[in-house]
Amino acid sequence: MQRFVDASIEGWYGYLDGDPGAADAFIKRDNPDDDLLAYSRAAMKRHGIVVSGDALTLGIGAMTAARWKDFFDSMVKAGVYKPSLDYRRAYTLAFVNKKIGMK
C-alpha cells in the first residue's frame, strides 16, 4: 500500500511540475482535446487543486486528524452522521504526510 500511495503522489508531482507527456498521452485516449488538457493542468496549479493547504508542508495527499475531526463535526452539524459515530476508525495516517516527492 505504501508503494502505491508514494507512486501516486510522485506521479502527481511529476504531472504538475515535470513532463506531463506520458500522463497526457493516456488521458488523450478518452479526452483528445489538447487545449482543454493544457488548460486543466494549468488551472489545477493556479487554483491549488492538488497542492495547497496541508499539502504545502506535508506533501500531496496530506491528511491530519484535525481535518478529519473538522469534517466529521461538519457532517454531524449537517445531520449526516450521528455524534456517537467513532469516525477515527474510518481512516489512517500511516501512509501519508511523509513529504514524498516534495522539492
Protein backbone atom coordinates (compact mmCIF):
# COMPACT_ATOMS: atom_id res chain seq x y z
CA MET A 1 0.00 0.00 0.00
CA GLN A 2 2.79 2.43 0.88
CA ARG A 3 4.42 1.97 -2.53
CA PHE A 4 1.10 2.61 -4.29
CA VAL A 5 0.46 5.79 -2.29
CA ASP A 6 4.03 7.00 -2.81
CA ALA A 7 3.90 6.31 -6.56
CA SER A 8 0.58 8.14 -6.86
CA ILE A 9 1.98 11.16 -5.03
CA GLU A 10 5.15 11.18 -7.12
CA GLY A 11 3.01 10.89 -10.24
CA TRP A 12 1.05 14.00 -9.30
CA TYR A 13 4.24 15.99 -8.67
CA GLY A 14 5.65 14.76 -11.96
CA TYR A 15 2.48 15.65 -13.82
CA LEU A 16 2.18 19.13 -12.33
CA ASP A 17 5.84 20.15 -12.22
CA GLY A 18 7.60 17.89 -14.70
CA ASP A 19 6.94 16.46 -18.14
CA PRO A 20 3.23 15.60 -18.36
CA GLY A 21 3.70 13.83 -21.70
CA ALA A 22 3.15 10.24 -20.57
CA ALA A 23 0.08 11.11 -18.49
CA ASP A 24 -1.31 13.34 -21.24
CA ALA A 25 -0.98 10.52 -23.78
CA PHE A 26 -3.01 8.26 -21.51
CA ILE A 27 -5.63 10.93 -20.81
CA LYS A 28 -5.97 11.79 -24.50
CA ARG A 29 -7.19 8.29 -25.28
CA ASP A 30 -10.56 9.36 -23.85
CA ASN A 31 -10.20 13.16 -23.94
CA PRO A 32 -8.31 14.19 -27.09
CA ASP A 33 -8.65 17.98 -26.68
CA ASP A 34 -5.05 19.22 -26.22
CA ASP A 35 -6.13 22.78 -25.41
CA LEU A 36 -8.50 21.63 -22.69
CA LEU A 37 -5.86 19.31 -21.24
CA ALA A 38 -3.26 22.09 -21.04
CA TYR A 39 -5.83 24.50 -19.60
CA SER A 40 -6.91 21.98 -16.97
CA ARG A 41 -3.36 21.26 -15.82
CA ALA A 42 -2.61 24.98 -15.56
CA ALA A 43 -5.87 25.59 -13.69
CA MET A 44 -5.08 22.84 -11.17
CA LYS A 45 -1.77 24.53 -10.46
CA ARG A 46 -3.16 28.08 -10.43
CA HIS A 47 -6.02 27.26 -8.05
CA GLY A 48 -4.09 24.88 -5.79
CA ILE A 49 -6.37 21.95 -6.53
CA VAL A 50 -3.69 19.36 -5.72
CA VAL A 51 -1.04 21.32 -3.82
CA SER A 52 -2.47 23.68 -1.22
CA GLY A 53 -3.29 23.72 2.48
CA ASP A 54 -1.55 20.94 4.40
CA ALA A 55 -0.03 19.63 1.15
CA LEU A 56 2.25 22.65 1.06
CA THR A 57 4.12 21.40 4.14
CA LEU A 58 3.26 17.69 4.32
CA GLY A 59 3.10 16.84 0.63
CA ILE A 60 0.39 15.79 -1.80
CA GLY A 61 -2.11 13.50 -0.13
CA ALA A 62 -1.69 15.25 3.21
CA MET A 63 -4.29 14.48 5.83
CA THR A 64 -4.43 15.27 9.52
CA ALA A 65 -6.51 14.11 12.44
CA ALA A 66 -7.65 17.72 12.87
CA ARG A 67 -9.02 17.82 9.33
CA TRP A 68 -10.86 14.54 9.85
CA LYS A 69 -12.38 15.91 13.07
CA ASP A 70 -13.40 19.14 11.35
CA PHE A 71 -15.05 17.19 8.52
CA PHE A 72 -16.81 14.89 10.98
CA ASP A 73 -18.05 17.84 13.06
CA SER A 74 -19.41 19.48 9.90
CA MET A 75 -21.22 16.29 8.91
CA VAL A 76 -22.71 15.92 12.40
CA LYS A 77 -23.94 19.52 12.24
CA ALA A 78 -25.49 18.82 8.82
CA GLY A 79 -27.21 15.73 10.19
CA VAL A 80 -25.28 13.29 8.01
CA TYR A 81 -23.54 11.45 10.89
CA LYS A 82 -24.59 10.79 14.45
CA PRO A 83 -22.31 12.34 17.09
CA SER A 84 -21.74 8.89 18.59
CA LEU A 85 -20.03 7.57 15.43
CA ASP A 86 -16.37 6.74 16.06
CA TYR A 87 -15.04 8.47 12.95
CA ARG A 88 -11.43 7.75 13.99
CA ARG A 89 -11.93 4.16 12.87
CA ALA A 90 -12.55 5.36 9.29
CA TYR A 91 -9.00 6.47 8.44
CA THR A 92 -5.30 6.00 8.96
CA LEU A 93 -2.49 8.49 8.56
CA ALA A 94 0.08 5.70 8.25
CA PHE A 95 0.61 6.14 4.51
CA VAL A 96 0.56 9.94 4.15
CA ASN A 97 2.34 13.07 5.40
CA LYS A 98 5.79 11.69 4.51
CA LYS A 99 6.71 14.56 2.16
CA ILE A 100 7.23 12.08 -0.69
CA GLY A 101 8.18 13.83 -3.93
CA MET A 102 8.46 17.29 -2.41
CA LYS A 103 11.27 19.51 -3.66
